[in-house]
Amino acid sequence: MILSVWSTDLVVRPDSVELVPLMSLRTDPLIEKLIEKLADGDPRTRRNAAGALRLHGSRAVGAIPALSSLLEDSDPAVRAEAERTIDRLRLMAA
């Protein structure tokens, strides 16, 4: 993540720079547990964790970097929920 801040790739760099300040927001134990669940082997668990993070609003803004990895998930429902959650959390962070 930090290395991508220095990237010259015009697609990678803007998102990375925007998210670096959010990395320090990951302190809530519930949010941390949900972030852990984003890497679960069961796609339903990953999808539900992403949805739960969306419902936590501004408390979960620090989860955006972890959610971004789900945009490449093999399950379309997981990808859709991750995108929906990221969109919502970015609105909260603005």
PDB file of N, CA and C in Angstrom:
ATOM      1  N   MET A   1       0.817  -1.189   0.000  1.00  0.00           N
ATOM      2  CA  MET A   1       0.000   0.000   0.000  1.00  0.00           C
ATOM      3  C   MET A   1       0.861   1.252   0.000  1.00  0.00           C
ATOM      4  N   ILE A   2       1.803   1.343   0.921  1.00  0.00           N
ATOM      5  CA  ILE A   2       2.635   2.540   1.010  1.00  0.00           C
ATOM      6  C   ILE A   2       3.448   2.717  -0.269  1.00  0.00           C
ATOM      7  N   LEU A   3       3.966   1.626  -0.825  1.00  0.00           N
ATOM      8  CA  LEU A   3       4.750   1.741  -2.050  1.00  0.00           C
ATOM      9  C   LEU A   3       3.922   2.281  -3.201  1.00  0.00           C
ATOM     10  N   SER A   4       2.622   1.972  -3.211  1.00  0.00           N
ATOM     11  CA  SER A   4       1.795   2.459  -4.309  1.00  0.00           C
ATOM     12  C   SER A   4       1.611   3.971  -4.257  1.00  0.00           C
ATOM     13  N   VAL A   5       1.852   4.601  -3.106  1.00  0.00           N
ATOM     14  CA  VAL A   5       1.784   6.060  -3.012  1.00  0.00           C
ATOM     15  C   VAL A   5       2.850   6.675  -3.908  1.00  0.00           C
ATOM     16  N   TRP A   6       3.978   6.005  -4.020  1.00  0.00           N
ATOM     17  CA  TRP A   6       5.083   6.533  -4.818  1.00  0.00           C
ATOM     18  C   TRP A   6       5.013   6.092  -6.268  1.00  0.00           C
ATOM     19  N   SER A   7       4.001   5.317  -6.599  1.00  0.00           N
ATOM     20  CA  SER A   7       3.854   4.817  -7.960  1.00  0.00           C
ATOM     21  C   SER A   7       3.656   5.962  -8.945  1.00  0.00           C
ATOM     22  N   THR A   8       4.179   5.783 -10.136  1.00  0.00           N
ATOM     23  CA  THR A   8       3.942   6.761 -11.200  1.00  0.00           C
ATOM     24  C   THR A   8       2.709   6.400 -12.014  1.00  0.00           C
ATOM     25  N   ASP A   9       2.112   5.251 -11.725  1.00  0.00           N
ATOM     26  CA  ASP A   9       0.891   4.818 -12.403  1.00  0.00           C
ATOM     27  C   ASP A   9      -0.245   5.762 -12.017  1.00  0.00           C
ATOM     28  N   LEU A  10      -0.831   6.430 -12.987  1.00  0.00           N
ATOM     29  CA  LEU A  10      -1.851   7.439 -12.715  1.00  0.00           C
ATOM     30  C   LEU A  10      -3.162   6.845 -12.219  1.00  0.00           C
ATOM     31  N   VAL A  11      -3.323   5.544 -12.332  1.00  0.00           N
ATOM     32  CA  VAL A  11      -4.517   4.898 -11.790  1.00  0.00           C
ATOM     33  C   VAL A  11      -4.297   4.495 -10.340  1.00  0.00           C
ATOM     34  N   VAL A  12      -3.147   3.963 -10.032  1.00  0.00           N
ATOM     35  CA  VAL A  12      -2.837   3.470  -8.690  1.00  0.00           C
ATOM     36  C   VAL A  12      -2.654   4.602  -7.697  1.00  0.00           C
ATOM     37  N   ARG A  13      -1.872   5.566  -8.034  1.00  0.00           N
ATOM     38  CA  ARG A  13      -1.435   6.584  -7.076  1.00  0.00           C
ATOM     39  C   ARG A  13      -2.560   7.405  -6.445  1.00  0.00           C
ATOM     40  N   PRO A  14      -3.516   7.962  -7.195  1.00  0.00           N
ATOM     41  CA  PRO A  14      -4.536   8.812  -6.552  1.00  0.00           C
ATOM     42  C   PRO A  14      -5.322   8.091  -5.464  1.00  0.00           C
ATOM     43  N   ASP A  15      -5.733   6.852  -5.715  1.00  0.00           N
ATOM     44  CA  ASP A  15      -6.473   6.111  -4.699  1.00  0.00           C
ATOM     45  C   ASP A  15      -5.610   5.831  -3.486  1.00  0.00           C
ATOM     46  N   SER A  16      -4.348   5.512  -3.699  1.00  0.00           N
ATOM     47  CA  SER A  16      -3.452   5.203  -2.593  1.00  0.00           C
ATOM     48  C   SER A  16      -3.235   6.420  -1.712  1.00  0.00           C
ATOM     49  N   VAL A  17      -2.976   7.538  -2.311  1.00  0.00           N
ATOM     50  CA  VAL A  17      -2.731   8.766  -1.553  1.00  0.00           C
ATOM     51  C   VAL A  17      -3.963   9.133  -0.738  1.00  0.00           C
ATOM     52  N   GLU A  18      -5.131   8.944  -1.325  1.00  0.00           N
ATOM     53  CA  GLU A  18      -6.386   9.264  -0.637  1.00  0.00           C
ATOM     54  C   GLU A  18      -6.600   8.380   0.585  1.00  0.00           C
ATOM     55  N   LEU A  19      -6.128   7.141   0.537  1.00  0.00           N
ATOM     56  CA  LEU A  19      -6.430   6.178   1.596  1.00  0.00           C
ATOM     57  C   LEU A  19      -5.377   6.097   2.688  1.00  0.00           C
ATOM     58  N   VAL A  20      -4.193   6.610   2.490  1.00  0.00           N
ATOM     59  CA  VAL A  20      -3.143   6.503   3.504  1.00  0.00           C
ATOM     60  C   VAL A  20      -3.586   7.060   4.846  1.00  0.00           C
ATOM     61  N   PRO A  21      -4.237   8.245   4.921  1.00  0.00           N
ATOM     62  CA  PRO A  21      -4.655   8.742   6.233  1.00  0.00           C
ATOM     63  C   PRO A  21      -5.659   7.831   6.928  1.00  0.00           C
ATOM     64  N   LEU A  22      -6.383   7.031   6.176  1.00  0.00           N
ATOM     65  CA  LEU A  22      -7.398   6.161   6.764  1.00  0.00           C
ATOM     66  C   LEU A  22      -6.791   4.962   7.481  1.00  0.00           C
ATOM     67  N   MET A  23      -5.553   4.633   7.172  1.00  0.00           N
ATOM     68  CA  MET A  23      -4.926   3.452   7.761  1.00  0.00           C
ATOM     69  C   MET A  23      -4.844   3.567   9.281  1.00  0.00           C
ATOM     70  N   SER A  24      -4.744   4.762   9.808  1.00  0.00           N
ATOM     71  CA  SER A  24      -4.632   4.947  11.249  1.00  0.00           C
ATOM     72  C   SER A  24      -5.987   4.868  11.952  1.00  0.00           C
ATOM     73  N   LEU A  25      -7.079   4.810  11.199  1.00  0.00           N
ATOM     74  CA  LEU A  25      -8.409   4.797  11.799  1.00  0.00           C
ATOM     75  C   LEU A  25      -8.849   3.405  12.242  1.00  0.00           C
ATOM     76  N   ARG A  26      -8.089   2.378  11.943  1.00  0.00           N
ATOM     77  CA  ARG A  26      -8.484   1.009  12.242  1.00  0.00           C
ATOM     78  C   ARG A  26      -8.150   0.659  13.687  1.00  0.00           C
ATOM     79  N   THR A  27      -8.972   1.123  14.638  1.00  0.00           N
ATOM     80  CA  THR A  27      -8.704   0.846  16.041  1.00  0.00           C
ATOM     81  C   THR A  27      -9.877   0.186  16.747  1.00  0.00           C
ATOM     82  N   ASP A  28     -11.066   0.300  16.235  1.00  0.00           N
ATOM     83  CA  ASP A  28     -12.259  -0.268  16.849  1.00  0.00           C
ATOM     84  C   ASP A  28     -12.185  -1.799  16.774  1.00  0.00           C
ATOM     85  N   PRO A  29     -12.289  -2.509  17.916  1.00  0.00           N
ATOM     86  CA  PRO A  29     -12.167  -3.975  17.905  1.00  0.00           C
ATOM     87  C   PRO A  29     -13.215  -4.666  17.026  1.00  0.00           C
ATOM     88  N   LEU A  30     -14.428  -4.163  17.009  1.00  0.00           N
ATOM     89  CA  LEU A  30     -15.468  -4.758  16.163  1.00  0.00           C
ATOM     90  C   LEU A  30     -15.109  -4.594  14.691  1.00  0.00           C
ATOM     91  N   ILE A  31     -14.671  -3.413  14.329  1.00  0.00           N
ATOM     92  CA  ILE A  31     -14.287  -3.151  12.937  1.00  0.00           C
ATOM     93  C   ILE A  31     -13.093  -4.024  12.562  1.00  0.00           C
ATOM     94  N   GLU A  32     -12.141  -4.170  13.465  1.00  0.00           N
ATOM     95  CA  GLU A  32     -10.984  -5.036  13.210  1.00  0.00           C
ATOM     96  C   GLU A  32     -11.421  -6.479  12.963  1.00  0.00           C
ATOM     97  N   LYS A  33     -12.373  -6.964  13.751  1.00  0.00           N
ATOM     98  CA  LYS A  33     -12.866  -8.337  13.590  1.00  0.00           C
ATOM     99  C   LYS A  33     -13.547  -8.504  12.231  1.00  0.00           C
ATOM    100  N   LEU A  34     -14.344  -7.505  11.837  1.00  0.00           N
ATOM    101  CA  LEU A  34     -15.001  -7.571  10.529  1.00  0.00           C
ATOM    102  C   LEU A  34     -13.976  -7.531   9.399  1.00  0.00           C
ATOM    103  N   ILE A  35     -12.932  -6.741   9.570  1.00  0.00           N
ATOM    104  CA  ILE A  35     -11.866  -6.691   8.568  1.00  0.00           C
ATOM    105  C   ILE A  35     -11.206  -8.067   8.435  1.00  0.00           C
ATOM    106  N   GLU A  36     -10.976  -8.737   9.546  1.00  0.00           N
ATOM    107  CA  GLU A  36     -10.413 -10.097   9.507  1.00  0.00           C
ATOM    108  C   GLU A  36     -11.315 -11.027   8.707  1.00  0.00           C
ATOM    109  N   LYS A  37     -12.623 -10.886   8.879  1.00  0.00           N
ATOM    110  CA  LYS A  37     -13.588 -11.752   8.194  1.00  0.00           C
ATOM    111  C   LYS A  37     -13.608 -11.530   6.685  1.00  0.00           C
ATOM    112  N   LEU A  38     -13.078 -10.405   6.220  1.00  0.00           N
ATOM    113  CA  LEU A  38     -13.019 -10.152   4.779  1.00  0.00           C
ATOM    114  C   LEU A  38     -12.109 -11.144   4.069  1.00  0.00           C
ATOM    115  N   ALA A  39     -11.235 -11.812   4.816  1.00  0.00           N
ATOM    116  CA  ALA A  39     -10.312 -12.789   4.238  1.00  0.00           C
ATOM    117  C   ALA A  39     -10.767 -14.234   4.473  1.00  0.00           C
ATOM    118  N   ASP A  40     -11.965 -14.415   4.992  1.00  0.00           N
ATOM    119  CA  ASP A  40     -12.487 -15.752   5.287  1.00  0.00           C
ATOM    120  C   ASP A  40     -12.596 -16.592   4.003  1.00  0.00           C
ATOM    121  N   GLY A  41     -12.522 -17.887   4.149  1.00  0.00           N
ATOM    122  CA  GLY A  41     -12.630 -18.789   3.005  1.00  0.00           C
ATOM    123  C   GLY A  41     -14.027 -18.895   2.412  1.00  0.00           C
ATOM    124  N   ASP A  42     -15.041 -18.566   3.185  1.00  0.00           N
ATOM    125  CA  ASP A  42     -16.428 -18.657   2.735  1.00  0.00           C
ATOM    126  C   ASP A  42     -16.868 -17.324   2.123  1.00  0.00           C
ATOM    127  N   PRO A  43     -17.286 -17.319   0.858  1.00  0.00           N
ATOM    128  CA  PRO A  43     -17.692 -16.065   0.232  1.00  0.00           C
ATOM    129  C   PRO A  43     -18.870 -15.386   0.928  1.00  0.00           C
ATOM    130  N   ARG A  44     -19.752 -16.169   1.532  1.00  0.00           N
ATOM    131  CA  ARG A  44     -20.882 -15.557   2.267  1.00  0.00           C
ATOM    132  C   ARG A  44     -20.376 -14.766   3.464  1.00  0.00           C
ATOM    133  N   THR A  45     -19.369 -15.288   4.120  1.00  0.00           N
ATOM    134  CA  THR A  45     -18.785 -14.581   5.263  1.00  0.00           C
ATOM    135  C   THR A  45     -18.121 -13.286   4.810  1.00  0.00           C
ATOM    136  N   ARG A  46     -17.381 -13.352   3.703  1.00  0.00           N
ATOM    137  CA  ARG A  46     -16.744 -12.142   3.175  1.00  0.00           C
ATOM    138  C   ARG A  46     -17.793 -11.098   2.787  1.00  0.00           C
ATOM    139  N   ARG A  47     -18.845 -11.543   2.099  1.00  0.00           N
ATOM    140  CA  ARG A  47     -19.913 -10.635   1.681  1.00  0.00           C
ATOM    141  C   ARG A  47     -20.606 -10.015   2.887  1.00  0.00           C
ATOM    142  N   ASN A  48     -20.922 -10.824   3.876  1.00  0.00           N
ATOM    143  CA  ASN A  48     -21.606 -10.321   5.071  1.00  0.00           C
ATOM    144  C   ASN A  48     -20.726  -9.364   5.876  1.00  0.00           C
ATOM    145  N   ALA A  49     -19.439  -9.649   5.938  1.00  0.00           N
ATOM    146  CA  ALA A  49     -18.533  -8.748   6.653  1.00  0.00           C
ATOM    147  C   ALA A  49     -18.470  -7.393   5.948  1.00  0.00           C
ATOM    148  N   ALA A  50     -18.407  -7.416   4.631  1.00  0.00           N
ATOM    149  CA  ALA A  50     -18.392  -6.157   3.875  1.00  0.00           C
ATOM    150  C   ALA A  50     -19.685  -5.376   4.121  1.00  0.00           C
ATOM    151  N   GLY A  51     -20.811  -6.071   4.087  1.00  0.00           N
ATOM    152  CA  GLY A  51     -22.094  -5.415   4.333  1.00  0.00           C
ATOM    153  C   GLY A  51     -22.189  -4.847   5.739  1.00  0.00           C
ATOM    154  N   ALA A  52     -21.675  -5.573   6.702  1.00  0.00           N
ATOM    155  CA  ALA A  52     -21.700  -5.087   8.089  1.00  0.00           C
ATOM    156  C   ALA A  52     -20.834  -3.840   8.230  1.00  0.00           C
ATOM    157  N   LEU A  53     -19.697  -3.822   7.555  1.00  0.00           N
ATOM    158  CA  LEU A  53     -18.839  -2.634   7.600  1.00  0.00           C
ATOM    159  C   LEU A  53     -19.570  -1.426   7.009  1.00  0.00           C
ATOM    160  N   ARG A  54     -20.312  -1.652   5.947  1.00  0.00           N
ATOM    161  CA  ARG A  54     -21.080  -0.551   5.343  1.00  0.00           C
ATOM    162  C   ARG A  54     -22.064   0.023   6.348  1.00  0.00           C
ATOM    163  N   LEU A  55     -22.688  -0.821   7.113  1.00  0.00           N
ATOM    164  CA  LEU A  55     -23.689  -0.379   8.086  1.00  0.00           C
ATOM    165  C   LEU A  55     -23.071   0.376   9.262  1.00  0.00           C
ATOM    166  N   HIS A  56     -21.780   0.193   9.493  1.00  0.00           N
ATOM    167  CA  HIS A  56     -21.108   0.897  10.587  1.00  0.00           C
ATOM    168  C   HIS A  56     -20.654   2.296  10.195  1.00  0.00           C
ATOM    169  N   GLY A  57     -20.837   2.649   8.955  1.00  0.00           N
ATOM    170  CA  GLY A  57     -20.581   4.012   8.503  1.00  0.00           C
ATOM    171  C   GLY A  57     -19.192   4.522   8.809  1.00  0.00           C
ATOM    172  N   SER A  58     -19.137   5.728   9.350  1.00  0.00           N
ATOM    173  CA  SER A  58     -17.850   6.413   9.538  1.00  0.00           C
ATOM    174  C   SER A  58     -16.888   5.644  10.447  1.00  0.00           C
ATOM    175  N   ARG A  59     -17.407   4.803  11.333  1.00  0.00           N
ATOM    176  CA  ARG A  59     -16.525   3.987  12.191  1.00  0.00           C
ATOM    177  C   ARG A  59     -15.681   3.026  11.360  1.00  0.00           C
ATOM    178  N   ALA A  60     -16.154   2.697  10.153  1.00  0.00           N
ATOM    179  CA  ALA A  60     -15.500   1.674   9.343  1.00  0.00           C
ATOM    180  C   ALA A  60     -14.691   2.242   8.180  1.00  0.00           C
ATOM    181  N   VAL A  61     -14.493   3.527   8.130  1.00  0.00           N
ATOM    182  CA  VAL A  61     -13.766   4.146   7.017  1.00  0.00           C
ATOM    183  C   VAL A  61     -12.365   3.554   6.878  1.00  0.00           C
ATOM    184  N   GLY A  62     -11.749   3.197   7.979  1.00  0.00           N
ATOM    185  CA  GLY A  62     -10.411   2.612   7.933  1.00  0.00           C
ATOM    186  C   GLY A  62     -10.357   1.243   7.276  1.00  0.00           C
ATOM    187  N   ALA A  63     -11.512   0.652   6.984  1.00  0.00           N
ATOM    188  CA  ALA A  63     -11.556  -0.664   6.346  1.00  0.00           C
ATOM    189  C   ALA A  63     -11.470  -0.576   4.825  1.00  0.00           C
ATOM    190  N   ILE A  64     -11.480   0.620   4.277  1.00  0.00           N
ATOM    191  CA  ILE A  64     -11.487   0.766   2.813  1.00  0.00           C
ATOM    192  C   ILE A  64     -10.319   0.042   2.144  1.00  0.00           C
ATOM    193  N   PRO A  65      -9.091   0.141   2.651  1.00  0.00           N
ATOM    194  CA  PRO A  65      -8.009  -0.600   1.986  1.00  0.00           C
ATOM    195  C   PRO A  65      -8.256  -2.112   1.952  1.00  0.00           C
ATOM    196  N   ALA A  66      -8.750  -2.679   3.029  1.00  0.00           N
ATOM    197  CA  ALA A  66      -9.028  -4.125   3.057  1.00  0.00           C
ATOM    198  C   ALA A  66     -10.183  -4.465   2.120  1.00  0.00           C
ATOM    199  N   LEU A  67     -11.192  -3.617   2.088  1.00  0.00           N
ATOM    200  CA  LEU A  67     -12.327  -3.847   1.192  1.00  0.00           C
ATOM    201  C   LEU A  67     -11.904  -3.793  -0.271  1.00  0.00           C
ATOM    202  N   SER A  68     -10.941  -2.959  -0.569  1.00  0.00           N
ATOM    203  CA  SER A  68     -10.471  -2.813  -1.954  1.00  0.00           C
ATOM    204  C   SER A  68      -9.948  -4.133  -2.515  1.00  0.00           C
ATOM    205  N   SER A  69      -9.375  -4.956  -1.656  1.00  0.00           N
ATOM    206  CA  SER A  69      -8.871  -6.246  -2.131  1.00  0.00           C
ATOM    207  C   SER A  69     -10.012  -7.164  -2.580  1.00  0.00           C
ATOM    208  N   LEU A  70     -11.217  -6.939  -2.075  1.00  0.00           N
ATOM    209  CA  LEU A  70     -12.357  -7.766  -2.470  1.00  0.00           C
ATOM    210  C   LEU A  70     -12.901  -7.399  -3.844  1.00  0.00           C
ATOM    211  N   LEU A  71     -12.454  -6.306  -4.403  1.00  0.00           N
ATOM    212  CA  LEU A  71     -12.915  -5.924  -5.742  1.00  0.00           C
ATOM    213  C   LEU A  71     -12.426  -6.906  -6.797  1.00  0.00           C
ATOM    214  N   GLU A  72     -11.458  -7.750  -6.421  1.00  0.00           N
ATOM    215  CA  GLU A  72     -10.918  -8.785  -7.308  1.00  0.00           C
ATOM    216  C   GLU A  72     -11.381 -10.183  -6.883  1.00  0.00           C
ATOM    217  N   ASP A  73     -12.339 -10.274  -5.952  1.00  0.00           N
ATOM    218  CA  ASP A  73     -12.801 -11.561  -5.426  1.00  0.00           C
ATOM    219  C   ASP A  73     -13.399 -12.424  -6.541  1.00  0.00           C
ATOM    220  N   SER A  74     -13.303 -13.733  -6.377  1.00  0.00           N
ATOM    221  CA  SER A  74     -13.849 -14.651  -7.381  1.00  0.00           C
ATOM    222  C   SER A  74     -15.379 -14.697  -7.359  1.00  0.00           C
ATOM    223  N   ASP A  75     -15.989 -14.273  -6.262  1.00  0.00           N
ATOM    224  CA  ASP A  75     -17.445 -14.316  -6.136  1.00  0.00           C
ATOM    225  C   ASP A  75     -18.053 -12.954  -6.511  1.00  0.00           C
ATOM    226  N   PRO A  76     -18.954 -12.927  -7.476  1.00  0.00           N
ATOM    227  CA  PRO A  76     -19.534 -11.653  -7.909  1.00  0.00           C
ATOM    228  C   PRO A  76     -20.332 -10.936  -6.818  1.00  0.00           C
ATOM    229  N   ALA A  77     -20.966 -11.691  -5.928  1.00  0.00           N
ATOM    230  CA  ALA A  77     -21.731 -11.062  -4.846  1.00  0.00           C
ATOM    231  C   ALA A  77     -20.797 -10.364  -3.855  1.00  0.00           C
ATOM    232  N   VAL A  78     -19.634 -10.946  -3.626  1.00  0.00           N
ATOM    233  CA  VAL A  78     -18.629 -10.336  -2.742  1.00  0.00           C
ATOM    234  C   VAL A  78     -18.108  -9.054  -3.379  1.00  0.00           C
ATOM    235  N   ARG A  79     -17.796  -9.133  -4.672  1.00  0.00           N
ATOM    236  CA  ARG A  79     -17.300  -7.941  -5.375  1.00  0.00           C
ATOM    237  C   ARG A  79     -18.331  -6.808  -5.328  1.00  0.00           C
ATOM    238  N   ALA A  80     -19.591  -7.137  -5.569  1.00  0.00           N
ATOM    239  CA  ALA A  80     -20.653  -6.128  -5.583  1.00  0.00           C
ATOM    240  C   ALA A  80     -20.822  -5.487  -4.209  1.00  0.00           C
ATOM    241  N   GLU A  81     -20.806  -6.301  -3.156  1.00  0.00           N
ATOM    242  CA  GLU A  81     -20.965  -5.760  -1.799  1.00  0.00           C
ATOM    243  C   GLU A  81     -19.767  -4.916  -1.403  1.00  0.00           C
ATOM    244  N   ALA A  82     -18.575  -5.349  -1.789  1.00  0.00           N
ATOM    245  CA  ALA A  82     -17.373  -4.566  -1.487  1.00  0.00           C
ATOM    246  C   ALA A  82     -17.442  -3.204  -2.177  1.00  0.00           C
ATOM    247  N   GLU A  83     -17.851  -3.190  -3.433  1.00  0.00           N
ATOM    248  CA  GLU A  83     -17.955  -1.925  -4.165  1.00  0.00           C
ATOM    249  C   GLU A  83     -19.008  -1.008  -3.529  1.00  0.00           C
ATOM    250  N   ARG A  84     -20.128  -1.579  -3.180  1.00  0.00           N
ATOM    251  CA  ARG A  84     -21.197  -0.807  -2.533  1.00  0.00           C
ATOM    252  C   ARG A  84     -20.712  -0.204  -1.209  1.00  0.00           C
ATOM    253  N   THR A  85     -19.998  -1.008  -0.440  1.00  0.00           N
ATOM    254  CA  THR A  85     -19.491  -0.556   0.856  1.00  0.00           C
ATOM    255  C   THR A  85     -18.434   0.525   0.696  1.00  0.00           C
ATOM    256  N   ILE A  86     -17.512   0.325  -0.232  1.00  0.00           N
ATOM    257  CA  ILE A  86     -16.472   1.325  -0.463  1.00  0.00           C
ATOM    258  C   ILE A  86     -17.096   2.659  -0.865  1.00  0.00           C
ATOM    259  N   ASP A  87     -18.062   2.606  -1.771  1.00  0.00           N
ATOM    260  CA  ASP A  87     -18.731   3.841  -2.197  1.00  0.00           C
ATOM    261  C   ASP A  87     -19.358   4.559  -1.012  1.00  0.00           C
ATOM    262  N   ARG A  88     -20.030   3.805  -0.162  1.00  0.00           N
ATOM    263  CA  ARG A  88     -20.696   4.400   1.000  1.00  0.00           C
ATOM    264  C   ARG A  88     -19.685   4.992   1.987  1.00  0.00           C
ATOM    265  N   LEU A  89     -18.614   4.252   2.263  1.00  0.00           N
ATOM    266  CA  LEU A  89     -17.620   4.709   3.224  1.00  0.00           C
ATOM    267  C   LEU A  89     -16.846   5.912   2.703  1.00  0.00           C
ATOM    268  N   ARG A  90     -16.592   5.955   1.404  1.00  0.00           N
ATOM    269  CA  ARG A  90     -15.913   7.140   0.848  1.00  0.00           C
ATOM    270  C   ARG A  90     -16.781   8.375   0.998  1.00  0.00           C
ATOM    271  N   LEU A  91     -18.082   8.221   0.856  1.00  0.00           N
ATOM    272  CA  LEU A  91     -18.994   9.353   1.097  1.00  0.00           C
ATOM    273  C   LEU A  91     -18.904   9.816   2.537  1.00  0.00           C
ATOM    274  N   MET A  92     -18.809   8.864   3.452  1.00  0.00           N
ATOM    275  CA  MET A  92     -18.707   9.186   4.870  1.00  0.00           C
ATOM    276  C   MET A  92     -17.394   9.906   5.185  1.00  0.00           C
ATOM    277  N   ALA A  93     -16.337   9.529   4.471  1.00  0.00           N
ATOM    278  CA  ALA A  93     -15.020  10.104   4.737  1.00  0.00           C
ATOM    279  C   ALA A  93     -14.877  11.510   4.153  1.00  0.00           C
ATOM    280  N   ALA A  94     -15.702  11.817   3.181  1.00  0.00           N
ATOM    281  CA  ALA A  94     -15.580  13.139   2.504  1.00  0.00           C
ATOM    282  C   ALA A  94     -16.032  14.281   3.383  1.00  0.00           C
TER     283      ALA A  94
END
